[in-house]
Amino acid sequence: MSDKGYNGWKNRATWNVALWIGNREDIYLTMIDSFKNQEWDQSPQGVKRWADMIFGAETPDGDSLKEVDWDEILNLVKESIA
């Protein structure tokens, strides 16, 4: 059994951000370009700033970005640009 709280992620907000990144081609390609071209710092804070630009304060379906585990989203970014 996983120690992750929501569908393998720390919580619903983290899962939801990952879901939006992975399921919207425009957001995914923007992420790849932004981090591969080093336009954004590859750190939890850099990923948070990027997501704030993309989503604002919450995902399109209402999950607050304040609850997101940015270390987990950074891992997603690094896996995606490898």
PDB file of N, CA and C in Angstrom:
ATOM      1  N   MET A   1       0.833  -1.182   0.000  1.00  0.00           N
ATOM      2  CA  MET A   1       0.000   0.000   0.000  1.00  0.00           C
ATOM      3  C   MET A   1       0.876   1.243   0.000  1.00  0.00           C
ATOM      4  N   SER A   2       0.491   2.234  -0.787  1.00  0.00           N
ATOM      5  CA  SER A   2       1.260   3.461  -0.908  1.00  0.00           C
ATOM      6  C   SER A   2       1.025   4.376   0.296  1.00  0.00           C
ATOM      7  N   ASP A   3       2.065   5.135   0.642  1.00  0.00           N
ATOM      8  CA  ASP A   3       1.892   6.114   1.708  1.00  0.00           C
ATOM      9  C   ASP A   3       1.426   7.452   1.151  1.00  0.00           C
ATOM     10  N   LYS A   4       1.137   7.494  -0.137  1.00  0.00           N
ATOM     11  CA  LYS A   4       0.638   8.709  -0.768  1.00  0.00           C
ATOM     12  C   LYS A   4      -0.853   8.829  -0.495  1.00  0.00           C
ATOM     13  N   GLY A   5      -1.327  10.034  -0.326  1.00  0.00           N
ATOM     14  CA  GLY A   5      -2.688  10.244   0.117  1.00  0.00           C
ATOM     15  C   GLY A   5      -3.778  10.240  -0.935  1.00  0.00           C
ATOM     16  N   TYR A   6      -3.471  10.557  -2.194  1.00  0.00           N
ATOM     17  CA  TYR A   6      -4.540  10.672  -3.183  1.00  0.00           C
ATOM     18  C   TYR A   6      -4.038  10.182  -4.539  1.00  0.00           C
ATOM     19  N   ASN A   7      -4.534   9.042  -4.959  1.00  0.00           N
ATOM     20  CA  ASN A   7      -4.157   8.456  -6.257  1.00  0.00           C
ATOM     21  C   ASN A   7      -2.648   8.439  -6.488  1.00  0.00           C
ATOM     22  N   GLY A   8      -1.888   8.147  -5.447  1.00  0.00           N
ATOM     23  CA  GLY A   8      -0.440   8.074  -5.563  1.00  0.00           C
ATOM     24  C   GLY A   8       0.285   9.390  -5.360  1.00  0.00           C
ATOM     25  N   TRP A   9      -0.455  10.456  -5.089  1.00  0.00           N
ATOM     26  CA  TRP A   9       0.122  11.779  -4.855  1.00  0.00           C
ATOM     27  C   TRP A   9      -0.133  12.174  -3.405  1.00  0.00           C
ATOM     28  N   LYS A  10       0.575  13.173  -2.925  1.00  0.00           N
ATOM     29  CA  LYS A  10       0.442  13.573  -1.521  1.00  0.00           C
ATOM     30  C   LYS A  10      -0.990  13.943  -1.151  1.00  0.00           C
ATOM     31  N   ASN A  11      -1.674  14.657  -2.021  1.00  0.00           N
ATOM     32  CA  ASN A  11      -3.042  15.083  -1.740  1.00  0.00           C
ATOM     33  C   ASN A  11      -3.763  15.364  -3.060  1.00  0.00           C
ATOM     34  N   ARG A  12      -5.035  15.695  -2.969  1.00  0.00           N
ATOM     35  CA  ARG A  12      -5.834  15.931  -4.164  1.00  0.00           C
ATOM     36  C   ARG A  12      -5.307  17.099  -4.995  1.00  0.00           C
ATOM     37  N   ALA A  13      -4.903  18.184  -4.344  1.00  0.00           N
ATOM     38  CA  ALA A  13      -4.427  19.355  -5.089  1.00  0.00           C
ATOM     39  C   ALA A  13      -3.186  19.014  -5.914  1.00  0.00           C
ATOM     40  N   THR A  14      -2.264  18.261  -5.347  1.00  0.00           N
ATOM     41  CA  THR A  14      -1.057  17.863  -6.074  1.00  0.00           C
ATOM     42  C   THR A  14      -1.423  16.960  -7.242  1.00  0.00           C
ATOM     43  N   TRP A  15      -2.268  15.992  -6.986  1.00  0.00           N
ATOM     44  CA  TRP A  15      -2.744  15.104  -8.056  1.00  0.00           C
ATOM     45  C   TRP A  15      -3.417  15.902  -9.164  1.00  0.00           C
ATOM     46  N   ASN A  16      -4.239  16.872  -8.790  1.00  0.00           N
ATOM     47  CA  ASN A  16      -4.995  17.631  -9.772  1.00  0.00           C
ATOM     48  C   ASN A  16      -4.089  18.489 -10.655  1.00  0.00           C
ATOM     49  N   VAL A  17      -3.080  19.118 -10.068  1.00  0.00           N
ATOM     50  CA  VAL A  17      -2.124  19.883 -10.879  1.00  0.00           C
ATOM     51  C   VAL A  17      -1.415  18.946 -11.846  1.00  0.00           C
ATOM     52  N   ALA A  18      -0.967  17.799 -11.357  1.00  0.00           N
ATOM     53  CA  ALA A  18      -0.301  16.824 -12.231  1.00  0.00           C
ATOM     54  C   ALA A  18      -1.247  16.353 -13.338  1.00  0.00           C
ATOM     55  N   LEU A  19      -2.503  16.173 -12.999  1.00  0.00           N
ATOM     56  CA  LEU A  19      -3.499  15.745 -13.980  1.00  0.00           C
ATOM     57  C   LEU A  19      -3.674  16.797 -15.069  1.00  0.00           C
ATOM     58  N   TRP A  20      -3.806  18.047 -14.682  1.00  0.00           N
ATOM     59  CA  TRP A  20      -3.952  19.116 -15.677  1.00  0.00           C
ATOM     60  C   TRP A  20      -2.710  19.220 -16.562  1.00  0.00           C
ATOM     61  N   ILE A  21      -1.538  19.099 -15.964  1.00  0.00           N
ATOM     62  CA  ILE A  21      -0.303  19.164 -16.753  1.00  0.00           C
ATOM     63  C   ILE A  21      -0.248  18.000 -17.733  1.00  0.00           C
ATOM     64  N   GLY A  22      -0.559  16.818 -17.266  1.00  0.00           N
ATOM     65  CA  GLY A  22      -0.437  15.632 -18.105  1.00  0.00           C
ATOM     66  C   GLY A  22      -1.529  15.438 -19.131  1.00  0.00           C
ATOM     67  N   ASN A  23      -2.687  16.042 -18.911  1.00  0.00           N
ATOM     68  CA  ASN A  23      -3.820  15.792 -19.799  1.00  0.00           C
ATOM     69  C   ASN A  23      -4.182  16.943 -20.720  1.00  0.00           C
ATOM     70  N   ARG A  24      -3.498  18.048 -20.587  1.00  0.00           N
ATOM     71  CA  ARG A  24      -3.729  19.167 -21.499  1.00  0.00           C
ATOM     72  C   ARG A  24      -2.451  19.388 -22.290  1.00  0.00           C
ATOM     73  N   GLU A  25      -2.491  19.048 -23.566  1.00  0.00           N
ATOM     74  CA  GLU A  25      -1.288  19.123 -24.392  1.00  0.00           C
ATOM     75  C   GLU A  25      -0.666  20.512 -24.377  1.00  0.00           C
ATOM     76  N   ASP A  26      -1.485  21.556 -24.438  1.00  0.00           N
ATOM     77  CA  ASP A  26      -0.942  22.908 -24.450  1.00  0.00           C
ATOM     78  C   ASP A  26      -0.175  23.218 -23.166  1.00  0.00           C
ATOM     79  N   ILE A  27      -0.713  22.814 -22.013  1.00  0.00           N
ATOM     80  CA  ILE A  27      -0.024  23.047 -20.742  1.00  0.00           C
ATOM     81  C   ILE A  27       1.236  22.197 -20.665  1.00  0.00           C
ATOM     82  N   TYR A  28       1.140  20.941 -21.072  1.00  0.00           N
ATOM     83  CA  TYR A  28       2.291  20.040 -21.033  1.00  0.00           C
ATOM     84  C   TYR A  28       3.431  20.571 -21.909  1.00  0.00           C
ATOM     85  N   LEU A  29       3.117  20.966 -23.134  1.00  0.00           N
ATOM     86  CA  LEU A  29       4.162  21.468 -24.035  1.00  0.00           C
ATOM     87  C   LEU A  29       4.746  22.777 -23.537  1.00  0.00           C
ATOM     88  N   THR A  30       3.920  23.629 -22.937  1.00  0.00           N
ATOM     89  CA  THR A  30       4.433  24.864 -22.341  1.00  0.00           C
ATOM     90  C   THR A  30       5.401  24.542 -21.212  1.00  0.00           C
ATOM     91  N   MET A  31       5.042  23.562 -20.381  1.00  0.00           N
ATOM     92  CA  MET A  31       5.924  23.154 -19.290  1.00  0.00           C
ATOM     93  C   MET A  31       7.255  22.644 -19.832  1.00  0.00           C
ATOM     94  N   ILE A  32       7.190  21.763 -20.825  1.00  0.00           N
ATOM     95  CA  ILE A  32       8.420  21.206 -21.406  1.00  0.00           C
ATOM     96  C   ILE A  32       9.309  22.330 -21.923  1.00  0.00           C
ATOM     97  N   ASP A  33       8.735  23.208 -22.730  1.00  0.00           N
ATOM     98  CA  ASP A  33       9.513  24.313 -23.292  1.00  0.00           C
ATOM     99  C   ASP A  33      10.088  25.211 -22.209  1.00  0.00           C
ATOM    100  N   SER A  34       9.270  25.544 -21.227  1.00  0.00           N
ATOM    101  CA  SER A  34       9.691  26.474 -20.177  1.00  0.00           C
ATOM    102  C   SER A  34      10.862  25.943 -19.361  1.00  0.00           C
ATOM    103  N   PHE A  35      10.815  24.665 -19.011  1.00  0.00           N
ATOM    104  CA  PHE A  35      11.858  24.124 -18.146  1.00  0.00           C
ATOM    105  C   PHE A  35      13.036  23.569 -18.932  1.00  0.00           C
ATOM    106  N   LYS A  36      12.793  23.047 -20.107  1.00  0.00           N
ATOM    107  CA  LYS A  36      13.901  22.538 -20.918  1.00  0.00           C
ATOM    108  C   LYS A  36      14.788  23.687 -21.381  1.00  0.00           C
ATOM    109  N   ASN A  37      14.166  24.815 -21.710  1.00  0.00           N
ATOM    110  CA  ASN A  37      14.910  25.989 -22.160  1.00  0.00           C
ATOM    111  C   ASN A  37      15.380  26.853 -21.006  1.00  0.00           C
ATOM    112  N   GLN A  38      15.218  26.363 -19.796  1.00  0.00           N
ATOM    113  CA  GLN A  38      15.668  27.019 -18.566  1.00  0.00           C
ATOM    114  C   GLN A  38      15.112  28.431 -18.407  1.00  0.00           C
ATOM    115  N   GLU A  39      13.861  28.624 -18.863  1.00  0.00           N
ATOM    116  CA  GLU A  39      13.188  29.894 -18.636  1.00  0.00           C
ATOM    117  C   GLU A  39      12.751  30.021 -17.176  1.00  0.00           C
ATOM    118  N   TRP A  40      12.590  28.879 -16.510  1.00  0.00           N
ATOM    119  CA  TRP A  40      12.154  28.839 -15.114  1.00  0.00           C
ATOM    120  C   TRP A  40      13.130  27.987 -14.322  1.00  0.00           C
ATOM    121  N   ASP A  41      13.357  28.375 -13.086  1.00  0.00           N
ATOM    122  CA  ASP A  41      14.241  27.653 -12.182  1.00  0.00           C
ATOM    123  C   ASP A  41      13.671  26.267 -11.884  1.00  0.00           C
ATOM    124  N   GLN A  42      14.500  25.244 -12.018  1.00  0.00           N
ATOM    125  CA  GLN A  42      14.074  23.873 -11.716  1.00  0.00           C
ATOM    126  C   GLN A  42      14.205  23.624 -10.217  1.00  0.00           C
ATOM    127  N   SER A  43      13.300  24.232  -9.493  1.00  0.00           N
ATOM    128  CA  SER A  43      13.205  24.076  -8.037  1.00  0.00           C
ATOM    129  C   SER A  43      11.719  24.063  -7.684  1.00  0.00           C
ATOM    130  N   PRO A  44      11.384  23.640  -6.472  1.00  0.00           N
ATOM    131  CA  PRO A  44       9.969  23.699  -6.100  1.00  0.00           C
ATOM    132  C   PRO A  44       9.382  25.115  -6.236  1.00  0.00           C
ATOM    133  N   GLN A  45      10.165  26.119  -5.884  1.00  0.00           N
ATOM    134  CA  GLN A  45       9.687  27.496  -5.989  1.00  0.00           C
ATOM    135  C   GLN A  45       9.512  27.919  -7.445  1.00  0.00           C
ATOM    136  N   GLY A  46      10.428  27.479  -8.316  1.00  0.00           N
ATOM    137  CA  GLY A  46      10.311  27.787  -9.735  1.00  0.00           C
ATOM    138  C   GLY A  46       9.085  27.141 -10.358  1.00  0.00           C
ATOM    139  N   VAL A  47       8.818  25.899  -9.976  1.00  0.00           N
ATOM    140  CA  VAL A  47       7.637  25.194 -10.489  1.00  0.00           C
ATOM    141  C   VAL A  47       6.368  25.868  -9.977  1.00  0.00           C
ATOM    142  N   LYS A  48       6.383  26.299  -8.730  1.00  0.00           N
ATOM    143  CA  LYS A  48       5.219  26.992  -8.175  1.00  0.00           C
ATOM    144  C   LYS A  48       4.969  28.293  -8.926  1.00  0.00           C
ATOM    145  N   ARG A  49       6.006  29.070  -9.177  1.00  0.00           N
ATOM    146  CA  ARG A  49       5.832  30.334  -9.916  1.00  0.00           C
ATOM    147  C   ARG A  49       5.298  30.075 -11.318  1.00  0.00           C
ATOM    148  N   TRP A  50       5.811  29.037 -11.972  1.00  0.00           N
ATOM    149  CA  TRP A  50       5.317  28.677 -13.305  1.00  0.00           C
ATOM    150  C   TRP A  50       3.834  28.307 -13.235  1.00  0.00           C
ATOM    151  N   ALA A  51       3.465  27.480 -12.270  1.00  0.00           N
ATOM    152  CA  ALA A  51       2.064  27.056 -12.131  1.00  0.00           C
ATOM    153  C   ALA A  51       1.157  28.237 -11.790  1.00  0.00           C
ATOM    154  N   ASP A  52       1.649  29.164 -10.992  1.00  0.00           N
ATOM    155  CA  ASP A  52       0.864  30.370 -10.692  1.00  0.00           C
ATOM    156  C   ASP A  52       0.564  31.135 -11.981  1.00  0.00           C
ATOM    157  N   MET A  53       1.541  31.200 -12.884  1.00  0.00           N
ATOM    158  CA  MET A  53       1.339  31.879 -14.159  1.00  0.00           C
ATOM    159  C   MET A  53       0.311  31.130 -15.016  1.00  0.00           C
ATOM    160  N   ILE A  54       0.379  29.806 -15.016  1.00  0.00           N
ATOM    161  CA  ILE A  54      -0.511  28.990 -15.845  1.00  0.00           C
ATOM    162  C   ILE A  54      -1.929  28.956 -15.278  1.00  0.00           C
ATOM    163  N   PHE A  55      -2.055  28.717 -13.980  1.00  0.00           N
ATOM    164  CA  PHE A  55      -3.355  28.459 -13.373  1.00  0.00           C
ATOM    165  C   PHE A  55      -3.929  29.622 -12.569  1.00  0.00           C
ATOM    166  N   GLY A  56      -3.091  30.503 -12.071  1.00  0.00           N
ATOM    167  CA  GLY A  56      -3.574  31.488 -11.109  1.00  0.00           C
ATOM    168  C   GLY A  56      -3.560  30.872  -9.723  1.00  0.00           C
ATOM    169  N   ALA A  57      -4.571  31.132  -8.935  1.00  0.00           N
ATOM    170  CA  ALA A  57      -4.613  30.654  -7.550  1.00  0.00           C
ATOM    171  C   ALA A  57      -5.129  29.234  -7.414  1.00  0.00           C
ATOM    172  N   GLU A  58      -5.781  28.720  -8.481  1.00  0.00           N
ATOM    173  CA  GLU A  58      -6.345  27.375  -8.396  1.00  0.00           C
ATOM    174  C   GLU A  58      -6.430  26.747  -9.779  1.00  0.00           C
ATOM    175  N   THR A  59      -6.579  25.432  -9.787  1.00  0.00           N
ATOM    176  CA  THR A  59      -6.753  24.719 -11.051  1.00  0.00           C
ATOM    177  C   THR A  59      -8.107  25.087 -11.656  1.00  0.00           C
ATOM    178  N   PRO A  60      -8.301  24.831 -12.936  1.00  0.00           N
ATOM    179  CA  PRO A  60      -9.582  25.167 -13.561  1.00  0.00           C
ATOM    180  C   PRO A  60     -10.805  24.549 -12.876  1.00  0.00           C
ATOM    181  N   ASP A  61     -10.607  23.452 -12.158  1.00  0.00           N
ATOM    182  CA  ASP A  61     -11.744  22.859 -11.460  1.00  0.00           C
ATOM    183  C   ASP A  61     -11.727  23.127  -9.954  1.00  0.00           C
ATOM    184  N   GLY A  62     -10.937  24.103  -9.534  1.00  0.00           N
ATOM    185  CA  GLY A  62     -11.084  24.636  -8.187  1.00  0.00           C
ATOM    186  C   GLY A  62     -10.161  24.181  -7.083  1.00  0.00           C
ATOM    187  N   ASP A  63      -9.132  23.388  -7.356  1.00  0.00           N
ATOM    188  CA  ASP A  63      -8.205  23.018  -6.288  1.00  0.00           C
ATOM    189  C   ASP A  63      -7.186  24.138  -6.076  1.00  0.00           C
ATOM    190  N   SER A  64      -7.018  24.536  -4.837  1.00  0.00           N
ATOM    191  CA  SER A  64      -6.101  25.610  -4.486  1.00  0.00           C
ATOM    192  C   SER A  64      -4.648  25.178  -4.688  1.00  0.00           C
ATOM    193  N   LEU A  65      -3.862  26.058  -5.273  1.00  0.00           N
ATOM    194  CA  LEU A  65      -2.436  25.756  -5.439  1.00  0.00           C
ATOM    195  C   LEU A  65      -1.684  25.852  -4.114  1.00  0.00           C
ATOM    196  N   LYS A  66      -2.312  26.417  -3.096  1.00  0.00           N
ATOM    197  CA  LYS A  66      -1.668  26.515  -1.781  1.00  0.00           C
ATOM    198  C   LYS A  66      -1.429  25.145  -1.155  1.00  0.00           C
ATOM    199  N   GLU A  67      -2.196  24.150  -1.580  1.00  0.00           N
ATOM    200  CA  GLU A  67      -2.114  22.820  -0.985  1.00  0.00           C
ATOM    201  C   GLU A  67      -1.156  21.875  -1.722  1.00  0.00           C
ATOM    202  N   VAL A  68      -0.584  22.319  -2.822  1.00  0.00           N
ATOM    203  CA  VAL A  68       0.213  21.447  -3.695  1.00  0.00           C
ATOM    204  C   VAL A  68       1.583  21.162  -3.091  1.00  0.00           C
ATOM    205  N   ASP A  69       2.034  19.933  -3.221  1.00  0.00           N
ATOM    206  CA  ASP A  69       3.397  19.547  -2.848  1.00  0.00           C
ATOM    207  C   ASP A  69       4.272  19.816  -4.079  1.00  0.00           C
ATOM    208  N   TRP A  70       4.990  20.917  -4.066  1.00  0.00           N
ATOM    209  CA  TRP A  70       5.759  21.342  -5.244  1.00  0.00           C
ATOM    210  C   TRP A  70       6.968  20.457  -5.500  1.00  0.00           C
ATOM    211  N   ASP A  71       7.463  19.755  -4.492  1.00  0.00           N
ATOM    212  CA  ASP A  71       8.542  18.786  -4.720  1.00  0.00           C
ATOM    213  C   ASP A  71       8.060  17.670  -5.644  1.00  0.00           C
ATOM    214  N   GLU A  72       6.830  17.215  -5.437  1.00  0.00           N
ATOM    215  CA  GLU A  72       6.285  16.160  -6.301  1.00  0.00           C
ATOM    216  C   GLU A  72       6.082  16.662  -7.727  1.00  0.00           C
ATOM    217  N   ILE A  73       5.606  17.887  -7.874  1.00  0.00           N
ATOM    218  CA  ILE A  73       5.415  18.436  -9.226  1.00  0.00           C
ATOM    219  C   ILE A  73       6.765  18.663  -9.891  1.00  0.00           C
ATOM    220  N   LEU A  74       7.775  19.074  -9.131  1.00  0.00           N
ATOM    221  CA  LEU A  74       9.125  19.213  -9.686  1.00  0.00           C
ATOM    222  C   LEU A  74       9.618  17.871 -10.219  1.00  0.00           C
ATOM    223  N   ASN A  75       9.359  16.788  -9.499  1.00  0.00           N
ATOM    224  CA  ASN A  75       9.745  15.456  -9.996  1.00  0.00           C
ATOM    225  C   ASN A  75       9.063  15.147 -11.322  1.00  0.00           C
ATOM    226  N   LEU A  76       7.791  15.512 -11.445  1.00  0.00           N
ATOM    227  CA  LEU A  76       7.069  15.337 -12.699  1.00  0.00           C
ATOM    228  C   LEU A  76       7.740  16.129 -13.825  1.00  0.00           C
ATOM    229  N   VAL A  77       8.105  17.364 -13.539  1.00  0.00           N
ATOM    230  CA  VAL A  77       8.787  18.200 -14.532  1.00  0.00           C
ATOM    231  C   VAL A  77      10.095  17.541 -14.968  1.00  0.00           C
ATOM    232  N   LYS A  78      10.906  17.139 -13.995  1.00  0.00           N
ATOM    233  CA  LYS A  78      12.199  16.546 -14.322  1.00  0.00           C
ATOM    234  C   LYS A  78      12.057  15.255 -15.121  1.00  0.00           C
ATOM    235  N   GLU A  79      11.090  14.434 -14.783  1.00  0.00           N
ATOM    236  CA  GLU A  79      10.842  13.211 -15.554  1.00  0.00           C
ATOM    237  C   GLU A  79      10.404  13.533 -16.979  1.00  0.00           C
ATOM    238  N   SER A  80       9.645  14.588 -17.132  1.00  0.00           N
ATOM    239  CA  SER A  80       9.092  14.951 -18.439  1.00  0.00           C
ATOM    240  C   SER A  80      10.140  15.546 -19.376  1.00  0.00           C
ATOM    241  N   ILE A  81      11.128  16.227 -18.815  1.00  0.00           N
ATOM    242  CA  ILE A  81      12.119  16.876 -19.685  1.00  0.00           C
ATOM    243  C   ILE A  81      13.391  16.043 -19.843  1.00  0.00           C
ATOM    244  N   ALA A  82      13.443  14.906 -19.164  1.00  0.00           N
ATOM    245  CA  ALA A  82      14.651  14.054 -19.236  1.00  0.00           C
ATOM    246  C   ALA A  82      14.829  13.469 -20.629  1.00  0.00           C
TER     247      ALA A  82
END
